[in-house]
Amino acid sequence: MNKTALLFLTLLLSSCHKQFVATHYSFEEKKMTQTEVRDEKMAAYIQPYKDSLDKQMNVVLAVADTMLTKSIPEGDLGNLMCDLILKKSRDYSVQQVDFTILNNGGIRIPNLPKGNITLGKIVELMPFENLIDIVTIDGSSADSLFQLAAQKGGWQVSGARYKIKDKRAVDITIQGKPLDVTATYTLAISDYLAQGGDNCTMLIALPKTILNKSLRDAIVDGLVEMNKRGEHVKSVLDGRVQILNN
């Protein structure tokens, strides 16, 4: 059989194969209980991997003197996270970073307990691989970002302060100076928000640099550095986000 005939036969046979496309998906939730029979063979197979992972996750990064709690409009857990993200973003980037903002949905557990802060606990806190984007943001877009944060009850910040009145952001300051809508700032933020997630559409078209570091990297690195300096993690509430009474 010559090459041409062989090629023709191959194409003919291939065309006879049916292509199947899924049109419906279904699933059934099955909860594991203590009555489930343990699969000893499978347990023995995964045990070495579990032991290795547990060893990594149990590494102590720092020590907290108090429990840190997620709270709106301002929480000491959010303040810690933003302070570490801002500091490390400045270390990672060649640009000066003015401020950072973190949506409340990005904080995945309600608190960090008093005592040892392990790597595993930080993975629980930020389980996603969201990278840090350095965004060059004009003052008008920055104002829109703070207005969005205010509408959602208040997002966590560092390098900036603002108050919320009737779900609007007022008295906004960045690096201690009132927000200037004609100025340009540099913002460290998750790539999820920078790409328009959680209604941050004002950020989509802005110039940005993606760092090869995640938000979790910044928190882990920052905690390790604190621990090396002999510093404990302490609760900090300084009024950087406030709700004004009518």
C-alpha atoms as a PDB file:
ATOM      1  CA  MET A   1       0.000   0.000   0.000  1.00  0.00           C
ATOM      2  CA  ASN A   2       1.482   3.341  -1.021  1.00  0.00           C
ATOM      3  CA  LYS A   3       1.685   6.349   1.296  1.00  0.00           C
ATOM      4  CA  THR A   4      -1.237   8.150  -0.356  1.00  0.00           C
ATOM      5  CA  ALA A   5      -3.577   5.191   0.038  1.00  0.00           C
ATOM      6  CA  LEU A   6      -2.456   4.696   3.641  1.00  0.00           C
ATOM      7  CA  LEU A   7      -3.154   8.345   4.459  1.00  0.00           C
ATOM      8  CA  PHE A   8      -6.598   8.142   2.810  1.00  0.00           C
ATOM      9  CA  LEU A   9      -7.468   5.009   4.805  1.00  0.00           C
ATOM     10  CA  THR A  10      -6.370   6.633   8.072  1.00  0.00           C
ATOM     11  CA  LEU A  11      -8.522   9.704   7.432  1.00  0.00           C
ATOM     12  CA  LEU A  12     -11.495   7.520   6.468  1.00  0.00           C
ATOM     13  CA  LEU A  13     -11.286   5.447   9.632  1.00  0.00           C
ATOM     14  CA  SER A  14     -10.844   8.561  11.774  1.00  0.00           C
ATOM     15  CA  SER A  15     -13.964  10.143  10.308  1.00  0.00           C
ATOM     16  CA  CYS A  16     -16.008   7.114  11.320  1.00  0.00           C
ATOM     17  CA  HIS A  17     -15.373   7.694  15.008  1.00  0.00           C
ATOM     18  CA  LYS A  18     -18.220   9.425  16.800  1.00  0.00           C
ATOM     19  CA  GLN A  19     -17.483  12.545  18.844  1.00  0.00           C
ATOM     20  CA  PHE A  20     -19.290  12.734  22.168  1.00  0.00           C
ATOM     21  CA  VAL A  21     -19.928  16.012  23.984  1.00  0.00           C
ATOM     22  CA  ALA A  22     -21.262  16.218  27.525  1.00  0.00           C
ATOM     23  CA  THR A  23     -24.616  17.973  27.651  1.00  0.00           C
ATOM     24  CA  HIS A  24     -25.504  17.418  31.302  1.00  0.00           C
ATOM     25  CA  TYR A  25     -23.631  17.116  34.571  1.00  0.00           C
ATOM     26  CA  SER A  26     -24.863  15.775  37.884  1.00  0.00           C
ATOM     27  CA  PHE A  27     -23.273  14.934  41.186  1.00  0.00           C
ATOM     28  CA  GLU A  28     -24.191  13.410  44.499  1.00  0.00           C
ATOM     29  CA  GLU A  29     -22.787  14.723  47.757  1.00  0.00           C
ATOM     30  CA  LYS A  30     -21.481  12.013  50.062  1.00  0.00           C
ATOM     31  CA  LYS A  31     -20.434  12.997  53.548  1.00  0.00           C
ATOM     32  CA  MET A  32     -17.797  10.975  55.330  1.00  0.00           C
ATOM     33  CA  THR A  33     -18.789   9.883  58.825  1.00  0.00           C
ATOM     34  CA  GLN A  34     -17.240   7.821  61.574  1.00  0.00           C
ATOM     35  CA  THR A  35     -19.308   4.845  60.428  1.00  0.00           C
ATOM     36  CA  GLU A  36     -17.435   4.707  57.109  1.00  0.00           C
ATOM     37  CA  VAL A  37     -15.157   1.695  56.728  1.00  0.00           C
ATOM     38  CA  ARG A  38     -11.511   2.754  56.561  1.00  0.00           C
ATOM     39  CA  ASP A  39      -9.667   1.604  53.480  1.00  0.00           C
ATOM     40  CA  GLU A  40      -6.438   0.505  55.122  1.00  0.00           C
ATOM     41  CA  LYS A  41      -4.637  -0.110  51.846  1.00  0.00           C
ATOM     42  CA  MET A  42      -5.412   3.389  50.585  1.00  0.00           C
ATOM     43  CA  ALA A  43      -4.604   4.905  53.990  1.00  0.00           C
ATOM     44  CA  ALA A  44      -1.205   3.215  53.989  1.00  0.00           C
ATOM     45  CA  TYR A  45      -0.558   4.436  50.450  1.00  0.00           C
ATOM     46  CA  ILE A  46      -1.230   8.113  51.206  1.00  0.00           C
ATOM     47  CA  GLN A  47       0.305   8.162  54.721  1.00  0.00           C
ATOM     48  CA  PRO A  48       3.833   9.153  53.612  1.00  0.00           C
ATOM     49  CA  TYR A  49       2.407  12.066  51.606  1.00  0.00           C
ATOM     50  CA  LYS A  50       0.196  13.103  54.507  1.00  0.00           C
ATOM     51  CA  ASP A  51       3.145  12.991  56.924  1.00  0.00           C
ATOM     52  CA  SER A  52       5.248  15.138  54.585  1.00  0.00           C
ATOM     53  CA  LEU A  53       2.446  17.665  54.080  1.00  0.00           C
ATOM     54  CA  ASP A  54       1.658  17.839  57.804  1.00  0.00           C
ATOM     55  CA  LYS A  55       5.320  18.527  58.529  1.00  0.00           C
ATOM     56  CA  GLN A  56       5.303  21.470  56.135  1.00  0.00           C
ATOM     57  CA  MET A  57       1.952  22.850  57.277  1.00  0.00           C
ATOM     58  CA  ASN A  58       2.926  22.686  60.965  1.00  0.00           C
ATOM     59  CA  VAL A  59       5.943  24.970  60.544  1.00  0.00           C
ATOM     60  CA  VAL A  60       5.521  27.946  62.909  1.00  0.00           C
ATOM     61  CA  LEU A  61       5.892  31.278  61.117  1.00  0.00           C
ATOM     62  CA  ALA A  62       5.224  33.657  64.002  1.00  0.00           C
ATOM     63  CA  VAL A  63       3.486  33.978  67.364  1.00  0.00           C
ATOM     64  CA  ALA A  64       0.350  36.028  68.002  1.00  0.00           C
ATOM     65  CA  ASP A  65      -0.160  37.643  71.411  1.00  0.00           C
ATOM     66  CA  THR A  66      -3.923  37.863  70.838  1.00  0.00           C
ATOM     67  CA  MET A  67      -6.542  36.378  68.565  1.00  0.00           C
ATOM     68  CA  LEU A  68      -6.878  38.373  65.333  1.00  0.00           C
ATOM     69  CA  THR A  69     -10.388  38.685  63.916  1.00  0.00           C
ATOM     70  CA  LYS A  70     -11.943  39.432  60.539  1.00  0.00           C
ATOM     71  CA  SER A  71     -14.329  42.347  60.934  1.00  0.00           C
ATOM     72  CA  ILE A  72     -16.070  45.056  58.906  1.00  0.00           C
ATOM     73  CA  PRO A  73     -15.318  47.895  58.333  1.00  0.00           C
ATOM     74  CA  GLU A  74     -11.948  47.378  60.036  1.00  0.00           C
ATOM     75  CA  GLY A  75     -10.484  44.285  61.626  1.00  0.00           C
ATOM     76  CA  ASP A  76      -7.111  43.588  63.180  1.00  0.00           C
ATOM     77  CA  LEU A  77      -6.737  40.512  60.960  1.00  0.00           C
ATOM     78  CA  GLY A  78      -7.345  42.546  57.797  1.00  0.00           C
ATOM     79  CA  ASN A  79      -5.002  45.271  59.024  1.00  0.00           C
ATOM     80  CA  LEU A  80      -2.227  42.755  59.595  1.00  0.00           C
ATOM     81  CA  MET A  81      -2.697  41.206  56.168  1.00  0.00           C
ATOM     82  CA  CYS A  82      -2.729  44.553  54.365  1.00  0.00           C
ATOM     83  CA  ASP A  83       0.262  45.896  56.294  1.00  0.00           C
ATOM     84  CA  LEU A  84       2.291  42.815  55.372  1.00  0.00           C
ATOM     85  CA  ILE A  85       1.143  42.882  51.739  1.00  0.00           C
ATOM     86  CA  LEU A  86       2.060  46.565  51.412  1.00  0.00           C
ATOM     87  CA  LYS A  87       5.467  46.143  53.025  1.00  0.00           C
ATOM     88  CA  LYS A  88       6.436  43.088  51.009  1.00  0.00           C
ATOM     89  CA  SER A  89       5.053  44.526  47.748  1.00  0.00           C
ATOM     90  CA  ARG A  90       7.492  47.396  48.216  1.00  0.00           C
ATOM     91  CA  ASP A  91      10.277  44.858  48.714  1.00  0.00           C
ATOM     92  CA  TYR A  92       9.291  42.754  45.685  1.00  0.00           C
ATOM     93  CA  SER A  93       8.674  45.652  43.290  1.00  0.00           C
ATOM     94  CA  VAL A  94      11.047  48.222  41.828  1.00  0.00           C
ATOM     95  CA  GLN A  95       8.196  50.744  42.076  1.00  0.00           C
ATOM     96  CA  GLN A  96       7.180  52.725  45.124  1.00  0.00           C
ATOM     97  CA  VAL A  97       3.821  51.369  46.279  1.00  0.00           C
ATOM     98  CA  ASP A  98       1.443  53.871  47.869  1.00  0.00           C
ATOM     99  CA  PHE A  99      -1.346  51.694  49.229  1.00  0.00           C
ATOM    100  CA  THR A 100      -3.087  48.353  49.156  1.00  0.00           C
ATOM    101  CA  ILE A 101      -6.706  47.303  49.501  1.00  0.00           C
ATOM    102  CA  LEU A 102      -8.148  43.858  50.218  1.00  0.00           C
ATOM    103  CA  ASN A 103     -11.743  42.772  49.704  1.00  0.00           C
ATOM    104  CA  ASN A 104     -13.374  40.970  52.604  1.00  0.00           C
ATOM    105  CA  GLY A 105     -14.031  37.900  50.482  1.00  0.00           C
ATOM    106  CA  GLY A 106     -10.276  37.475  50.188  1.00  0.00           C
ATOM    107  CA  ILE A 107     -10.073  36.686  53.902  1.00  0.00           C
ATOM    108  CA  ARG A 108     -11.225  33.080  54.055  1.00  0.00           C
ATOM    109  CA  ILE A 109     -11.316  32.320  57.787  1.00  0.00           C
ATOM    110  CA  PRO A 110     -12.883  34.359  60.617  1.00  0.00           C
ATOM    111  CA  ASN A 111      -9.785  34.599  62.801  1.00  0.00           C
ATOM    112  CA  LEU A 112      -6.220  33.627  63.553  1.00  0.00           C
ATOM    113  CA  PRO A 113      -6.025  32.179  67.073  1.00  0.00           C
ATOM    114  CA  LYS A 114      -3.679  33.379  69.772  1.00  0.00           C
ATOM    115  CA  GLY A 115      -0.381  31.522  69.849  1.00  0.00           C
ATOM    116  CA  ASN A 116       1.591  29.862  67.084  1.00  0.00           C
ATOM    117  CA  ILE A 117       0.703  30.893  63.541  1.00  0.00           C
ATOM    118  CA  THR A 118       1.505  27.949  61.278  1.00  0.00           C
ATOM    119  CA  LEU A 119       1.917  27.810  57.526  1.00  0.00           C
ATOM    120  CA  GLY A 120      -1.186  25.618  57.399  1.00  0.00           C
ATOM    121  CA  LYS A 121      -3.256  28.318  59.058  1.00  0.00           C
ATOM    122  CA  ILE A 122      -2.081  30.910  56.522  1.00  0.00           C
ATOM    123  CA  VAL A 123      -2.986  28.521  53.691  1.00  0.00           C
ATOM    124  CA  GLU A 124      -6.468  28.326  55.218  1.00  0.00           C
ATOM    125  CA  LEU A 125      -6.538  32.113  55.449  1.00  0.00           C
ATOM    126  CA  MET A 126      -5.561  32.557  51.775  1.00  0.00           C
ATOM    127  CA  PRO A 127      -5.992  29.251  49.928  1.00  0.00           C
ATOM    128  CA  PHE A 128      -5.879  30.725  46.419  1.00  0.00           C
ATOM    129  CA  GLU A 129      -2.798  31.521  44.345  1.00  0.00           C
ATOM    130  CA  ASN A 130      -3.726  35.156  43.718  1.00  0.00           C
ATOM    131  CA  LEU A 131      -0.662  37.057  42.526  1.00  0.00           C
ATOM    132  CA  ILE A 132       0.121  40.653  43.444  1.00  0.00           C
ATOM    133  CA  ASP A 133      -0.505  43.215  40.722  1.00  0.00           C
ATOM    134  CA  ILE A 134       1.115  46.638  40.924  1.00  0.00           C
ATOM    135  CA  VAL A 135      -1.420  48.981  39.341  1.00  0.00           C
ATOM    136  CA  THR A 136      -0.778  52.557  38.244  1.00  0.00           C
ATOM    137  CA  ILE A 137      -4.076  54.168  39.194  1.00  0.00           C
ATOM    138  CA  ASP A 138      -5.314  57.680  38.519  1.00  0.00           C
ATOM    139  CA  GLY A 139      -6.989  59.585  41.339  1.00  0.00           C
ATOM    140  CA  SER A 140     -10.456  59.362  39.802  1.00  0.00           C
ATOM    141  CA  SER A 141     -10.258  55.562  39.526  1.00  0.00           C
ATOM    142  CA  ALA A 142      -8.872  55.379  43.064  1.00  0.00           C
ATOM    143  CA  ASP A 143     -11.905  57.340  44.269  1.00  0.00           C
ATOM    144  CA  SER A 144     -14.191  54.890  42.436  1.00  0.00           C
ATOM    145  CA  LEU A 145     -12.387  51.992  44.122  1.00  0.00           C
ATOM    146  CA  PHE A 146     -12.916  53.485  47.575  1.00  0.00           C
ATOM    147  CA  GLN A 147     -16.565  54.186  46.745  1.00  0.00           C
ATOM    148  CA  LEU A 148     -16.991  50.512  45.844  1.00  0.00           C
ATOM    149  CA  ALA A 149     -15.340  49.492  49.113  1.00  0.00           C
ATOM    150  CA  ALA A 150     -17.699  51.773  51.039  1.00  0.00           C
ATOM    151  CA  GLN A 151     -20.756  50.369  49.272  1.00  0.00           C
ATOM    152  CA  LYS A 152     -19.711  46.903  50.388  1.00  0.00           C
ATOM    153  CA  GLY A 153     -19.422  47.980  54.028  1.00  0.00           C
ATOM    154  CA  GLY A 154     -15.712  48.689  54.054  1.00  0.00           C
ATOM    155  CA  TRP A 155     -12.654  46.891  52.679  1.00  0.00           C
ATOM    156  CA  GLN A 156      -9.341  46.502  54.470  1.00  0.00           C
ATOM    157  CA  VAL A 157      -6.508  48.896  53.577  1.00  0.00           C
ATOM    158  CA  SER A 158      -2.939  49.876  54.322  1.00  0.00           C
ATOM    159  CA  GLY A 159      -1.256  53.109  53.292  1.00  0.00           C
ATOM    160  CA  ALA A 160      -4.685  54.728  53.086  1.00  0.00           C
ATOM    161  CA  ARG A 161      -7.564  55.753  55.336  1.00  0.00           C
ATOM    162  CA  TYR A 162     -11.206  56.566  54.680  1.00  0.00           C
ATOM    163  CA  LYS A 163     -14.548  57.022  56.361  1.00  0.00           C
ATOM    164  CA  ILE A 164     -17.954  55.773  55.292  1.00  0.00           C
ATOM    165  CA  LYS A 165     -21.058  57.931  55.397  1.00  0.00           C
ATOM    166  CA  ASP A 166     -24.325  56.787  53.833  1.00  0.00           C
ATOM    167  CA  LYS A 167     -22.374  54.047  52.023  1.00  0.00           C
ATOM    168  CA  ARG A 168     -20.045  56.605  50.442  1.00  0.00           C
ATOM    169  CA  ALA A 169     -16.326  56.970  51.069  1.00  0.00           C
ATOM    170  CA  VAL A 170     -15.358  60.372  52.473  1.00  0.00           C
ATOM    171  CA  ASP A 171     -12.175  61.886  53.928  1.00  0.00           C
ATOM    172  CA  ILE A 172     -10.042  59.563  51.815  1.00  0.00           C
ATOM    173  CA  THR A 173      -6.301  59.900  52.362  1.00  0.00           C
ATOM    174  CA  ILE A 174      -3.375  58.106  50.717  1.00  0.00           C
ATOM    175  CA  GLN A 175       0.002  58.277  52.404  1.00  0.00           C
ATOM    176  CA  GLY A 176      -1.420  60.822  54.824  1.00  0.00           C
ATOM    177  CA  LYS A 177      -2.590  63.261  52.151  1.00  0.00           C
ATOM    178  CA  PRO A 178      -6.142  63.836  50.864  1.00  0.00           C
ATOM    179  CA  LEU A 179      -6.961  61.902  47.706  1.00  0.00           C
ATOM    180  CA  ASP A 180      -6.255  64.067  44.647  1.00  0.00           C
ATOM    181  CA  VAL A 181      -8.361  63.039  41.645  1.00  0.00           C
ATOM    182  CA  THR A 182      -5.765  64.639  39.336  1.00  0.00           C
ATOM    183  CA  ALA A 183      -2.860  62.674  40.822  1.00  0.00           C
ATOM    184  CA  THR A 184      -1.521  59.206  40.017  1.00  0.00           C
ATOM    185  CA  TYR A 185      -0.897  56.498  42.637  1.00  0.00           C
ATOM    186  CA  THR A 186       0.566  53.024  42.781  1.00  0.00           C
ATOM    187  CA  LEU A 187      -1.627  50.265  44.176  1.00  0.00           C
ATOM    188  CA  ALA A 188      -0.717  46.729  45.253  1.00  0.00           C
ATOM    189  CA  ILE A 189      -3.737  44.482  44.814  1.00  0.00           C
ATOM    190  CA  SER A 190      -4.661  40.903  43.964  1.00  0.00           C
ATOM    191  CA  ASP A 191      -4.698  39.991  40.287  1.00  0.00           C
ATOM    192  CA  TYR A 192      -8.318  38.880  40.779  1.00  0.00           C
ATOM    193  CA  LEU A 193      -9.405  42.403  41.699  1.00  0.00           C
ATOM    194  CA  ALA A 194      -7.047  44.013  39.170  1.00  0.00           C
ATOM    195  CA  GLN A 195      -8.770  42.044  36.426  1.00  0.00           C
ATOM    196  CA  GLY A 196     -12.182  43.344  37.505  1.00  0.00           C
ATOM    197  CA  GLY A 197     -13.229  40.762  40.082  1.00  0.00           C
ATOM    198  CA  ASP A 198     -15.748  41.731  42.772  1.00  0.00           C
ATOM    199  CA  ASN A 199     -16.988  44.610  40.566  1.00  0.00           C
ATOM    200  CA  CYS A 200     -13.575  46.333  40.353  1.00  0.00           C
ATOM    201  CA  THR A 201     -14.201  47.233  36.712  1.00  0.00           C
ATOM    202  CA  MET A 202     -12.388  50.565  37.112  1.00  0.00           C
ATOM    203  CA  LEU A 203      -9.088  48.634  37.343  1.00  0.00           C
ATOM    204  CA  ILE A 204      -9.345  46.498  34.211  1.00  0.00           C
ATOM    205  CA  ALA A 205      -7.810  48.909  31.682  1.00  0.00           C
ATOM    206  CA  LEU A 206      -5.193  50.434  33.989  1.00  0.00           C
ATOM    207  CA  PRO A 207      -1.439  49.799  33.496  1.00  0.00           C
ATOM    208  CA  LYS A 208      -0.246  47.002  35.730  1.00  0.00           C
ATOM    209  CA  THR A 209       2.756  44.844  36.502  1.00  0.00           C
ATOM    210  CA  ILE A 210       2.187  41.294  37.727  1.00  0.00           C
ATOM    211  CA  LEU A 211       4.682  40.253  40.379  1.00  0.00           C
ATOM    212  CA  ASN A 212       5.812  36.655  40.600  1.00  0.00           C
ATOM    213  CA  LYS A 213       4.646  36.659  44.205  1.00  0.00           C
ATOM    214  CA  SER A 214       1.257  35.854  45.677  1.00  0.00           C
ATOM    215  CA  LEU A 215      -0.604  37.631  48.447  1.00  0.00           C
ATOM    216  CA  ARG A 216       0.058  34.562  50.575  1.00  0.00           C
ATOM    217  CA  ASP A 217       3.803  34.786  49.831  1.00  0.00           C
ATOM    218  CA  ALA A 218       3.781  38.354  51.140  1.00  0.00           C
ATOM    219  CA  ILE A 219       2.036  37.353  54.360  1.00  0.00           C
ATOM    220  CA  VAL A 220       4.258  34.320  54.936  1.00  0.00           C
ATOM    221  CA  ASP A 221       7.472  36.242  54.199  1.00  0.00           C
ATOM    222  CA  GLY A 222       6.359  39.135  56.387  1.00  0.00           C
ATOM    223  CA  LEU A 223       5.537  36.878  59.335  1.00  0.00           C
ATOM    224  CA  VAL A 224       8.836  35.025  59.038  1.00  0.00           C
ATOM    225  CA  GLU A 225      10.720  38.329  59.087  1.00  0.00           C
ATOM    226  CA  MET A 226       8.793  39.476  62.170  1.00  0.00           C
ATOM    227  CA  ASN A 227       9.647  36.235  63.925  1.00  0.00           C
ATOM    228  CA  LYS A 228      13.333  36.566  63.051  1.00  0.00           C
ATOM    229  CA  ARG A 229      13.322  40.033  64.612  1.00  0.00           C
ATOM    230  CA  GLY A 230      11.802  38.566  67.751  1.00  0.00           C
ATOM    231  CA  GLU A 231       8.519  40.441  67.242  1.00  0.00           C
ATOM    232  CA  HIS A 232       5.148  38.977  68.137  1.00  0.00           C
ATOM    233  CA  VAL A 233       2.001  39.630  66.119  1.00  0.00           C
ATOM    234  CA  LYS A 234      -0.214  42.089  67.972  1.00  0.00           C
ATOM    235  CA  SER A 235      -3.746  43.336  67.455  1.00  0.00           C
ATOM    236  CA  VAL A 236      -3.808  46.724  65.718  1.00  0.00           C
ATOM    237  CA  LEU A 237      -6.985  48.777  65.269  1.00  0.00           C
ATOM    238  CA  ASP A 238      -6.146  52.372  64.377  1.00  0.00           C
ATOM    239  CA  GLY A 239      -9.335  53.710  62.827  1.00  0.00           C
ATOM    240  CA  ARG A 240      -8.093  53.534  59.253  1.00  0.00           C
ATOM    241  CA  VAL A 241     -11.653  52.655  58.167  1.00  0.00           C
ATOM    242  CA  GLN A 242     -14.562  54.170  60.070  1.00  0.00           C
ATOM    243  CA  ILE A 243     -18.322  54.372  59.675  1.00  0.00           C
ATOM    244  CA  LEU A 244     -19.734  57.802  60.537  1.00  0.00           C
ATOM    245  CA  ASN A 245     -23.031  58.048  62.368  1.00  0.00           C
ATOM    246  CA  ASN A 246     -25.707  60.136  60.670  1.00  0.00           C
END
